[in-house]
Protein backbone atom coordinates (compact mmCIF):
# COMPACT_ATOMS: atom_id res chain seq x y z
CA MET A 1 7.24 -10.29 -14.45
CA VAL A 2 6.56 -9.15 -10.89
CA THR A 3 3.54 -6.85 -10.77
CA ALA A 4 2.53 -4.21 -8.24
CA LEU A 5 -0.66 -2.34 -7.40
CA ALA A 6 -0.37 0.96 -5.54
CA LEU A 7 -3.51 1.85 -3.61
CA ASN A 8 -3.47 5.58 -2.95
CA CYS A 9 -5.66 6.33 0.06
CA THR A 10 -5.54 10.11 -0.30
CA LEU A 11 -8.73 12.00 0.52
CA LYS A 12 -8.34 14.01 -2.71
CA PRO A 13 -10.17 12.76 -5.81
CA SER A 14 -8.46 12.93 -9.20
CA PRO A 15 -7.13 15.15 -10.64
CA GLU A 16 -6.33 17.08 -7.44
CA PRO A 17 -2.60 17.15 -6.59
CA SER A 18 -1.64 14.47 -4.06
CA SER A 19 1.61 14.13 -2.14
CA THR A 20 0.79 10.46 -1.59
CA SER A 21 0.57 10.06 -5.35
CA VAL A 22 3.98 11.66 -5.85
CA LEU A 23 5.75 9.34 -3.41
CA LEU A 24 3.88 6.28 -4.71
CA HIS A 25 5.05 7.14 -8.24
CA GLN A 26 8.61 7.31 -6.95
CA VAL A 27 8.22 3.87 -5.38
CA LEU A 28 6.76 2.43 -8.59
CA ASP A 29 9.71 3.88 -10.51
CA ALA A 30 12.10 2.28 -8.00
CA LEU A 31 10.31 -1.08 -8.37
CA ALA A 32 10.68 -0.80 -12.15
CA GLU A 33 14.45 -0.60 -11.71
CA HIS A 34 14.21 -4.16 -10.36
CA GLY A 35 12.00 -5.44 -13.17
CA ALA A 36 8.59 -4.93 -11.56
CA SER A 37 5.73 -3.20 -13.35
CA GLY A 38 2.86 -1.47 -11.61
CA GLU A 39 0.03 1.01 -11.58
CA GLN A 40 -1.52 3.42 -9.09
CA VAL A 41 -5.19 3.69 -8.17
CA ARG A 42 -6.86 6.38 -6.06
CA VAL A 43 -9.35 4.56 -3.89
CA VAL A 44 -11.42 7.71 -3.35
CA ASP A 45 -12.23 7.74 -7.08
CA HIS A 46 -14.23 4.55 -6.52
CA ASP A 47 -17.40 3.90 -4.53
CA VAL A 48 -15.94 1.67 -1.83
CA ARG A 49 -18.68 0.98 0.69
CA PRO A 50 -18.07 0.56 4.43
CA GLY A 51 -18.09 -3.03 5.65
CA VAL A 52 -16.01 -6.15 6.12
CA ASP A 53 -17.33 -8.33 3.29
CA LYS A 54 -15.89 -8.91 -0.19
CA ASP A 55 -18.95 -7.31 -1.76
CA MET A 56 -21.29 -4.95 0.06
CA GLY A 57 -23.67 -4.88 -2.91
CA ASP A 58 -25.66 -1.88 -4.19
CA GLY A 59 -22.97 -0.48 -6.49
CA ASP A 60 -20.00 -1.27 -4.25
CA GLN A 61 -16.82 -0.97 -6.33
CA TRP A 62 -14.46 -2.72 -3.92
CA PRO A 63 -14.89 -6.06 -5.76
CA GLN A 64 -13.21 -4.56 -8.84
CA LEU A 65 -10.34 -3.19 -6.77
CA ARG A 66 -10.11 -6.50 -4.89
CA GLU A 67 -9.56 -8.36 -8.17
CA ARG A 68 -6.65 -6.06 -8.94
CA VAL A 69 -5.18 -6.65 -5.47
CA LEU A 70 -5.44 -10.41 -5.99
CA ALA A 71 -3.84 -10.19 -9.43
CA ALA A 72 -0.75 -8.31 -8.20
CA ASP A 73 2.35 -9.76 -6.54
CA ILE A 74 2.97 -6.60 -4.53
CA LEU A 75 0.56 -4.22 -2.80
CA LEU A 76 1.84 -0.71 -2.17
CA PHE A 77 -0.36 0.82 0.51
CA GLY A 78 -0.12 4.61 0.47
CA THR A 79 -1.77 7.03 2.86
CA PRO A 80 -1.49 10.63 3.99
CA THR A 81 -1.32 11.53 7.68
CA TRP A 82 -4.32 13.32 9.15
CA MET A 83 -4.36 14.29 12.84
CA GLY A 84 -1.56 11.80 13.45
CA HIS A 85 -3.38 8.84 11.88
CA MET A 86 -3.85 7.17 8.49
CA SER A 87 -6.67 8.53 6.35
CA SER A 88 -10.24 7.32 6.76
CA VAL A 89 -9.96 5.86 3.24
CA ALA A 90 -6.97 3.77 4.34
CA GLN A 91 -8.89 2.49 7.36
CA ARG A 92 -11.79 1.54 5.11
CA VAL A 93 -9.48 -0.44 2.81
CA LEU A 94 -8.10 -2.36 5.79
CA GLU A 95 -11.65 -3.13 6.90
CA ARG A 96 -12.50 -4.45 3.45
CA LEU A 97 -9.33 -6.57 3.40
CA ASP A 98 -10.52 -8.17 6.64
CA ALA A 99 -12.83 -10.32 4.50
CA GLU A 100 -9.77 -12.13 3.13
CA LEU A 101 -9.20 -13.81 6.50
CA SER A 102 -11.83 -16.37 5.54
CA GLU A 103 -10.62 -16.87 1.93
CA THR A 104 -8.19 -19.67 1.10
CA ASP A 105 -6.47 -21.01 -2.00
CA ALA A 106 -6.77 -24.53 -3.40
CA GLU A 107 -4.25 -25.83 -0.85
CA GLY A 108 -5.89 -24.22 2.15
CA ARG A 109 -3.56 -21.22 2.56
CA PRO A 110 -4.98 -17.74 3.17
CA ILE A 111 -5.60 -16.27 -0.27
CA LEU A 112 -3.18 -13.37 0.29
CA THR A 113 -0.37 -15.64 1.47
CA GLY A 114 2.53 -15.29 -0.92
CA LYS A 115 1.77 -11.67 -1.76
CA VAL A 116 4.02 -8.91 -0.47
CA ALA A 117 3.01 -5.53 0.92
CA ALA A 118 4.93 -2.30 1.47
CA THR A 119 3.87 1.03 2.96
CA VAL A 120 4.11 4.66 1.87
CA VAL A 121 3.17 7.48 4.25
CA VAL A 122 3.33 11.26 3.82
CA GLY A 123 2.29 14.20 5.94
CA ASN A 124 3.37 17.58 7.26
CA GLU A 125 2.79 16.35 10.82
CA ASP A 126 4.04 13.51 13.00
CA GLY A 127 2.53 10.05 12.76
CA ALA A 128 4.35 8.10 10.04
CA HIS A 129 5.99 5.58 12.39
CA LYS A 130 2.72 4.74 14.12
CA ILE A 131 0.84 4.52 10.83
CA THR A 132 3.51 2.22 9.38
CA ALA A 133 3.31 0.00 12.46
CA ASP A 134 -0.49 -0.17 12.23
CA LEU A 135 -0.34 -1.02 8.52
CA TYR A 136 2.34 -3.69 9.01
CA GLN A 137 0.20 -5.41 11.64
CA ALA A 138 -3.02 -5.25 9.65
CA LEU A 139 -1.50 -6.29 6.32
CA GLY A 140 0.45 -9.12 7.93
CA ASP A 141 -2.67 -10.27 9.76
CA VAL A 142 -4.61 -10.78 6.53
CA GLY A 143 -1.77 -12.72 4.91
CA PHE A 144 0.66 -10.34 3.24
CA SER A 145 4.39 -10.81 3.79
CA ILE A 146 6.46 -7.71 4.50
CA ALA A 147 10.11 -7.46 3.55
CA ALA A 148 12.77 -5.90 5.75
CA GLN A 149 12.57 -2.09 5.74
CA ALA A 150 9.55 -2.14 3.43
CA GLY A 151 8.26 1.28 4.38
CA THR A 152 9.08 4.74 3.13
CA TYR A 153 7.73 8.00 4.46
CA TRP A 154 8.10 11.74 4.67
CA ASN A 155 7.13 13.93 7.61
CA GLY A 156 7.32 17.65 7.05
CA GLN A 157 8.44 20.14 9.64
CA ALA A 158 6.04 20.24 12.57
CA MET A 159 3.36 22.93 12.51
CA GLN A 160 4.26 24.02 8.96
CA THR A 161 2.25 23.79 5.74
CA VAL A 162 4.73 22.51 3.13
CA ASP A 163 3.58 19.29 1.41
CA PHE A 164 5.84 16.60 -0.05
CA ARG A 165 4.69 17.40 -3.58
CA GLU A 166 5.90 20.99 -3.12
CA LEU A 167 9.52 20.08 -2.35
CA ASP A 168 12.16 21.10 -4.90
CA GLU A 169 13.78 17.68 -4.51
CA THR A 170 13.22 14.48 -2.59
CA PRO A 171 15.30 14.33 0.60
CA LYS A 172 18.13 11.80 0.38
CA GLU A 173 16.80 9.90 3.39
CA VAL A 174 13.43 9.39 1.70
CA ALA A 175 15.03 8.38 -1.61
CA ASP A 176 17.27 5.90 0.19
CA ALA A 177 14.32 4.39 2.09
CA THR A 178 12.38 4.11 -1.17
CA ALA A 179 15.28 2.36 -2.89
CA THR A 180 15.61 -0.12 -0.02
CA LEU A 181 11.86 -0.78 -0.02
CA ALA A 182 11.90 -1.53 -3.74
CA ARG A 183 14.96 -3.77 -3.66
CA ASN A 184 13.80 -5.86 -0.70
CA THR A 185 10.14 -6.06 -1.71
CA VAL A 186 10.78 -7.27 -5.27
CA HIS A 187 13.31 -9.78 -3.94
CA LEU A 188 10.81 -11.22 -1.45
CA ALA A 189 8.06 -11.36 -4.09
CA ARG A 190 10.34 -13.42 -6.34
CA VAL A 191 11.36 -15.73 -3.48
CA LEU A 192 7.74 -16.43 -2.55
CA ARG A 193 6.78 -17.03 -6.17
CA GLU A 194 9.52 -19.65 -6.53
CA SER A 195 9.06 -21.15 -3.08
CA PRO A 196 5.54 -20.66 -1.69
CA TYR A 197 4.64 -21.08 1.94
CA PRO A 198 3.68 -24.69 2.76
CA PRO A 199 -0.03 -25.54 2.97
CA PRO A 200 -1.53 -26.24 6.39
């Protein structure tokens, strides 16, 4: 069974409504159609300390989240758009993942090599394309593989206040992007499980 972990980098703690949560749930449902199971976690509900180490000590809860990242085949990285950029929580998660650059498996490969990442971005302002590009670069840099068209997003009308979670229905373009993300991401995860990257 292919497994997925959705990290929701909303700024809103549970149980506040979150548009990022809504779209991540849709992606998890789409993954399930291809035989992948998964769960969603709001990072802001955990005490994730600033830093670039695996464990920043003193009650840092990133180590527990890190174990869940390492246990999953797929990482769904979800973030809202604030002032045209990913959330500060999303940036903190990337900084914590930086520690994995020095971690390797038994055959000398980066520890995240063989895992697949996909991106989910929402916001009622512009920025989704830039955020997706930034996430692709950062996630690829630490070892994740990214399938073709492995990003889905929604940008609301500029200078308006409607959120994704308030829509009566998901726009067809978003649903289609989500379906493509799920299909390609699960496929790549299975390919890499059966045929891992060669060791150095």
